[in-house]
């Protein structure tokens, strides 16, 4: 066997072994997810003018003067991860409704009465209610600027200290 053919064979064997290990890990991971669900790391925290969940607006467009920040955990997110966000008009923020009072519930009401619908009942997934099967929220905020470990935002509708899971840029202008 030539040296080149031997190298190709070694790469094929190594690749097959790596794929087999990855498939095994995927199967273990799948079983864990089936048993306990998904887990996510918090990448940052919201700094906002709203110290408490009571009185915090449920629509970012209702609070155009509410400025805040996403302060990133530098152990996970560095400036290189987000510096280009300053070139966009808005960011979608995926966050955790961490101040919910119904965390011990195993089931949730299908229909709720949002305050702006004057008593009309609608499905909880049709609203921005924090009381939902998964306590994950989504909010769009205007990007004001980017710092070394934060994004400066406008139209913040989250409580101070809210855990941030992710964000995605967009131009809504």
C-alpha atoms as a PDB file:
ATOM      1  CA  UNK A   1       0.000   0.000   0.000  1.00  0.00           C
ATOM      2  CA  UNK A   2       1.282   3.411  -0.927  1.00  0.00           C
ATOM      3  CA  UNK A   3       1.670   6.116   1.691  1.00  0.00           C
ATOM      4  CA  UNK A   4      -1.187   8.140   0.160  1.00  0.00           C
ATOM      5  CA  UNK A   5      -3.531   5.132   0.093  1.00  0.00           C
ATOM      6  CA  UNK A   6      -2.593   4.306   3.674  1.00  0.00           C
ATOM      7  CA  UNK A   7      -3.389   7.872   4.755  1.00  0.00           C
ATOM      8  CA  UNK A   8      -6.789   7.742   3.017  1.00  0.00           C
ATOM      9  CA  UNK A   9      -7.575   4.423   4.710  1.00  0.00           C
ATOM     10  CA  UNK A  10      -6.566   5.773   8.149  1.00  0.00           C
ATOM     11  CA  UNK A  11      -8.792   8.869   7.659  1.00  0.00           C
ATOM     12  CA  UNK A  12     -11.748   6.661   6.668  1.00  0.00           C
ATOM     13  CA  UNK A  13     -11.320   4.438   9.740  1.00  0.00           C
ATOM     14  CA  UNK A  14     -10.930   7.484  12.024  1.00  0.00           C
ATOM     15  CA  UNK A  15     -14.021   9.133  10.478  1.00  0.00           C
ATOM     16  CA  UNK A  16     -16.126   5.973  10.857  1.00  0.00           C
ATOM     17  CA  UNK A  17     -15.100   5.711  14.511  1.00  0.00           C
ATOM     18  CA  UNK A  18     -15.834   9.402  15.158  1.00  0.00           C
ATOM     19  CA  UNK A  19     -19.274   9.116  13.510  1.00  0.00           C
ATOM     20  CA  UNK A  20     -20.063   6.000  15.569  1.00  0.00           C
ATOM     21  CA  UNK A  21     -19.127   7.810  18.815  1.00  0.00           C
ATOM     22  CA  UNK A  22     -21.206  10.851  17.818  1.00  0.00           C
ATOM     23  CA  UNK A  23     -24.213   8.653  17.042  1.00  0.00           C
ATOM     24  CA  UNK A  24     -23.876   6.935  20.432  1.00  0.00           C
ATOM     25  CA  UNK A  25     -23.728  10.303  22.219  1.00  0.00           C
ATOM     26  CA  UNK A  26     -26.766  11.472  20.243  1.00  0.00           C
ATOM     27  CA  UNK A  27     -28.749   8.408  21.386  1.00  0.00           C
ATOM     28  CA  UNK A  28     -27.845   9.040  25.047  1.00  0.00           C
ATOM     29  CA  UNK A  29     -28.744  12.709  24.664  1.00  0.00           C
ATOM     30  CA  UNK A  30     -32.074  11.798  23.053  1.00  0.00           C
ATOM     31  CA  UNK A  31     -32.978   9.564  26.019  1.00  0.00           C
ATOM     32  CA  UNK A  32     -32.113  12.321  28.506  1.00  0.00           C
ATOM     33  CA  UNK A  33     -34.224  14.846  26.555  1.00  0.00           C
ATOM     34  CA  UNK A  34     -37.171  12.423  26.500  1.00  0.00           C
ATOM     35  CA  UNK A  35     -36.933  12.062  30.286  1.00  0.00           C
ATOM     36  CA  UNK A  36     -36.223  15.609  31.486  1.00  0.00           C
ATOM     37  CA  UNK A  37     -36.542  17.897  28.459  1.00  0.00           C
ATOM     38  CA  UNK A  38     -34.135  20.441  27.058  1.00  0.00           C
ATOM     39  CA  UNK A  39     -31.805  22.603  29.099  1.00  0.00           C
ATOM     40  CA  UNK A  40     -30.260  25.886  28.002  1.00  0.00           C
ATOM     41  CA  UNK A  41     -27.511  28.099  29.354  1.00  0.00           C
ATOM     42  CA  UNK A  42     -28.188  31.690  30.236  1.00  0.00           C
ATOM     43  CA  UNK A  43     -25.868  33.846  28.089  1.00  0.00           C
ATOM     44  CA  UNK A  44     -26.647  37.158  29.741  1.00  0.00           C
ATOM     45  CA  UNK A  45     -28.996  39.229  31.866  1.00  0.00           C
ATOM     46  CA  UNK A  46     -31.360  42.099  31.162  1.00  0.00           C
ATOM     47  CA  UNK A  47     -30.678  45.413  32.857  1.00  0.00           C
ATOM     48  CA  UNK A  48     -33.963  47.320  32.734  1.00  0.00           C
ATOM     49  CA  UNK A  49     -35.867  50.106  34.493  1.00  0.00           C
ATOM     50  CA  UNK A  50     -38.492  47.595  35.685  1.00  0.00           C
ATOM     51  CA  UNK A  51     -37.504  46.163  39.087  1.00  0.00           C
ATOM     52  CA  UNK A  52     -40.579  43.949  39.503  1.00  0.00           C
ATOM     53  CA  UNK A  53     -42.873  41.906  37.254  1.00  0.00           C
ATOM     54  CA  UNK A  54     -45.901  43.927  38.378  1.00  0.00           C
ATOM     55  CA  UNK A  55     -46.093  46.992  36.187  1.00  0.00           C
ATOM     56  CA  UNK A  56     -43.732  45.677  33.533  1.00  0.00           C
ATOM     57  CA  UNK A  57     -45.327  46.164  30.106  1.00  0.00           C
ATOM     58  CA  UNK A  58     -46.114  43.147  27.934  1.00  0.00           C
ATOM     59  CA  UNK A  59     -45.452  44.841  24.618  1.00  0.00           C
ATOM     60  CA  UNK A  60     -42.151  46.479  23.711  1.00  0.00           C
ATOM     61  CA  UNK A  61     -43.859  48.974  21.401  1.00  0.00           C
ATOM     62  CA  UNK A  62     -45.749  50.360  24.426  1.00  0.00           C
ATOM     63  CA  UNK A  63     -42.519  51.509  26.080  1.00  0.00           C
ATOM     64  CA  UNK A  64     -40.369  53.245  23.449  1.00  0.00           C
ATOM     65  CA  UNK A  65     -38.569  55.248  26.153  1.00  0.00           C
ATOM     66  CA  UNK A  66     -37.627  52.204  28.241  1.00  0.00           C
ATOM     67  CA  UNK A  67     -33.912  51.739  27.684  1.00  0.00           C
ATOM     68  CA  UNK A  68     -31.950  48.790  28.937  1.00  0.00           C
ATOM     69  CA  UNK A  69     -29.134  46.408  28.193  1.00  0.00           C
ATOM     70  CA  UNK A  70     -28.311  42.807  27.669  1.00  0.00           C
ATOM     71  CA  UNK A  71     -25.210  42.297  29.804  1.00  0.00           C
ATOM     72  CA  UNK A  72     -23.431  39.178  28.566  1.00  0.00           C
ATOM     73  CA  UNK A  73     -21.723  36.526  30.672  1.00  0.00           C
ATOM     74  CA  UNK A  74     -18.129  36.986  29.476  1.00  0.00           C
ATOM     75  CA  UNK A  75     -17.322  33.337  30.218  1.00  0.00           C
ATOM     76  CA  UNK A  76     -19.743  32.338  27.439  1.00  0.00           C
ATOM     77  CA  UNK A  77     -20.177  35.362  25.142  1.00  0.00           C
ATOM     78  CA  UNK A  78     -17.352  37.645  24.025  1.00  0.00           C
ATOM     79  CA  UNK A  79     -17.534  40.851  22.008  1.00  0.00           C
ATOM     80  CA  UNK A  80     -16.752  38.904  18.816  1.00  0.00           C
ATOM     81  CA  UNK A  81     -20.062  37.040  19.203  1.00  0.00           C
ATOM     82  CA  UNK A  82     -22.231  40.158  18.877  1.00  0.00           C
ATOM     83  CA  UNK A  83     -20.255  43.224  17.732  1.00  0.00           C
ATOM     84  CA  UNK A  84     -22.029  43.356  14.333  1.00  0.00           C
ATOM     85  CA  UNK A  85     -25.429  43.792  16.029  1.00  0.00           C
ATOM     86  CA  UNK A  86     -24.722  47.532  16.023  1.00  0.00           C
ATOM     87  CA  UNK A  87     -25.355  47.445  12.266  1.00  0.00           C
ATOM     88  CA  UNK A  88     -28.943  46.239  12.728  1.00  0.00           C
ATOM     89  CA  UNK A  89     -32.040  48.125  13.805  1.00  0.00           C
ATOM     90  CA  UNK A  90     -33.530  45.488  16.125  1.00  0.00           C
ATOM     91  CA  UNK A  91     -32.781  42.269  17.961  1.00  0.00           C
ATOM     92  CA  UNK A  92     -35.139  39.445  18.921  1.00  0.00           C
ATOM     93  CA  UNK A  93     -34.398  38.534  22.528  1.00  0.00           C
ATOM     94  CA  UNK A  94     -35.186  35.022  23.761  1.00  0.00           C
ATOM     95  CA  UNK A  95     -35.517  35.121  27.543  1.00  0.00           C
ATOM     96  CA  UNK A  96     -36.877  33.289  30.593  1.00  0.00           C
ATOM     97  CA  UNK A  97     -39.946  34.440  32.527  1.00  0.00           C
ATOM     98  CA  UNK A  98     -37.968  33.864  35.722  1.00  0.00           C
ATOM     99  CA  UNK A  99     -40.396  35.575  38.126  1.00  0.00           C
ATOM    100  CA  UNK A 100     -43.404  33.387  37.356  1.00  0.00           C
ATOM    101  CA  UNK A 101     -45.396  32.404  40.424  1.00  0.00           C
ATOM    102  CA  UNK A 102     -46.858  29.202  38.968  1.00  0.00           C
ATOM    103  CA  UNK A 103     -43.671  27.199  38.448  1.00  0.00           C
ATOM    104  CA  UNK A 104     -44.948  24.215  40.437  1.00  0.00           C
ATOM    105  CA  UNK A 105     -47.871  23.654  38.059  1.00  0.00           C
ATOM    106  CA  UNK A 106     -47.735  20.672  35.740  1.00  0.00           C
ATOM    107  CA  UNK A 107     -50.599  21.903  33.534  1.00  0.00           C
ATOM    108  CA  UNK A 108     -51.642  25.334  32.331  1.00  0.00           C
ATOM    109  CA  UNK A 109     -54.962  26.931  31.507  1.00  0.00           C
ATOM    110  CA  UNK A 110     -55.636  26.719  27.799  1.00  0.00           C
ATOM    111  CA  UNK A 111     -57.661  29.959  27.771  1.00  0.00           C
ATOM    112  CA  UNK A 112     -56.707  33.166  29.547  1.00  0.00           C
ATOM    113  CA  UNK A 113     -58.001  36.751  29.725  1.00  0.00           C
ATOM    114  CA  UNK A 114     -55.308  39.189  28.563  1.00  0.00           C
ATOM    115  CA  UNK A 115     -55.767  42.692  30.013  1.00  0.00           C
ATOM    116  CA  UNK A 116     -56.003  44.417  26.624  1.00  0.00           C
ATOM    117  CA  UNK A 117     -58.873  42.227  25.374  1.00  0.00           C
ATOM    118  CA  UNK A 118     -61.370  43.429  28.017  1.00  0.00           C
ATOM    119  CA  UNK A 119     -62.363  40.000  29.316  1.00  0.00           C
ATOM    120  CA  UNK A 120     -62.202  38.002  26.081  1.00  0.00           C
ATOM    121  CA  UNK A 121     -60.655  34.542  26.564  1.00  0.00           C
ATOM    122  CA  UNK A 122     -57.996  33.361  24.118  1.00  0.00           C
ATOM    123  CA  UNK A 123     -55.477  30.510  23.998  1.00  0.00           C
ATOM    124  CA  UNK A 124     -52.396  31.130  26.132  1.00  0.00           C
ATOM    125  CA  UNK A 125     -50.111  30.532  23.143  1.00  0.00           C
ATOM    126  CA  UNK A 126     -51.939  33.331  21.303  1.00  0.00           C
ATOM    127  CA  UNK A 127     -50.707  35.856  23.851  1.00  0.00           C
ATOM    128  CA  UNK A 128     -47.589  37.229  25.488  1.00  0.00           C
ATOM    129  CA  UNK A 129     -48.664  35.772  28.813  1.00  0.00           C
ATOM    130  CA  UNK A 130     -45.738  34.603  30.937  1.00  0.00           C
ATOM    131  CA  UNK A 131     -47.902  31.714  32.173  1.00  0.00           C
ATOM    132  CA  UNK A 132     -47.325  29.146  29.449  1.00  0.00           C
ATOM    133  CA  UNK A 133     -46.130  25.545  29.195  1.00  0.00           C
ATOM    134  CA  UNK A 134     -42.513  26.690  28.785  1.00  0.00           C
ATOM    135  CA  UNK A 135     -41.545  29.901  30.525  1.00  0.00           C
ATOM    136  CA  UNK A 136     -39.694  31.210  27.474  1.00  0.00           C
ATOM    137  CA  UNK A 137     -40.400  34.707  26.158  1.00  0.00           C
ATOM    138  CA  UNK A 138     -39.590  36.516  22.926  1.00  0.00           C
ATOM    139  CA  UNK A 139     -39.324  40.253  22.589  1.00  0.00           C
ATOM    140  CA  UNK A 140     -38.100  42.593  19.870  1.00  0.00           C
ATOM    141  CA  UNK A 141     -35.993  45.533  21.021  1.00  0.00           C
ATOM    142  CA  UNK A 142     -34.404  48.383  19.117  1.00  0.00           C
ATOM    143  CA  UNK A 143     -30.598  48.328  19.068  1.00  0.00           C
ATOM    144  CA  UNK A 144     -29.081  51.615  20.248  1.00  0.00           C
ATOM    145  CA  UNK A 145     -25.468  50.483  20.395  1.00  0.00           C
ATOM    146  CA  UNK A 146     -22.983  47.813  21.294  1.00  0.00           C
ATOM    147  CA  UNK A 147     -20.412  47.886  24.110  1.00  0.00           C
ATOM    148  CA  UNK A 148     -17.620  45.531  25.073  1.00  0.00           C
ATOM    149  CA  UNK A 149     -19.909  43.163  27.041  1.00  0.00           C
ATOM    150  CA  UNK A 150     -23.404  44.492  26.382  1.00  0.00           C
ATOM    151  CA  UNK A 151     -25.994  45.583  23.819  1.00  0.00           C
ATOM    152  CA  UNK A 152     -27.781  48.874  24.547  1.00  0.00           C
ATOM    153  CA  UNK A 153     -31.512  48.587  23.772  1.00  0.00           C
ATOM    154  CA  UNK A 154     -34.684  50.655  23.495  1.00  0.00           C
ATOM    155  CA  UNK A 155     -38.264  49.372  23.984  1.00  0.00           C
ATOM    156  CA  UNK A 156     -37.258  46.959  26.758  1.00  0.00           C
ATOM    157  CA  UNK A 157     -40.273  45.162  28.248  1.00  0.00           C
ATOM    158  CA  UNK A 158     -38.486  42.760  30.588  1.00  0.00           C
ATOM    159  CA  UNK A 159     -37.844  42.785  34.325  1.00  0.00           C
ATOM    160  CA  UNK A 160     -34.387  43.752  35.588  1.00  0.00           C
ATOM    161  CA  UNK A 161     -32.375  40.554  36.039  1.00  0.00           C
ATOM    162  CA  UNK A 162     -34.249  38.560  33.387  1.00  0.00           C
ATOM    163  CA  UNK A 163     -32.073  35.685  32.085  1.00  0.00           C
ATOM    164  CA  UNK A 164     -31.325  35.903  28.340  1.00  0.00           C
ATOM    165  CA  UNK A 165     -30.983  32.684  26.354  1.00  0.00           C
ATOM    166  CA  UNK A 166     -30.308  34.032  22.868  1.00  0.00           C
ATOM    167  CA  UNK A 167     -30.817  36.887  20.451  1.00  0.00           C
ATOM    168  CA  UNK A 168     -31.128  37.295  16.709  1.00  0.00           C
ATOM    169  CA  UNK A 169     -30.635  40.441  14.678  1.00  0.00           C
ATOM    170  CA  UNK A 170     -33.112  41.884  12.240  1.00  0.00           C
ATOM    171  CA  UNK A 171     -33.783  45.117  10.408  1.00  0.00           C
ATOM    172  CA  UNK A 172     -37.358  46.267  10.893  1.00  0.00           C
ATOM    173  CA  UNK A 173     -36.980  49.771   9.480  1.00  0.00           C
END
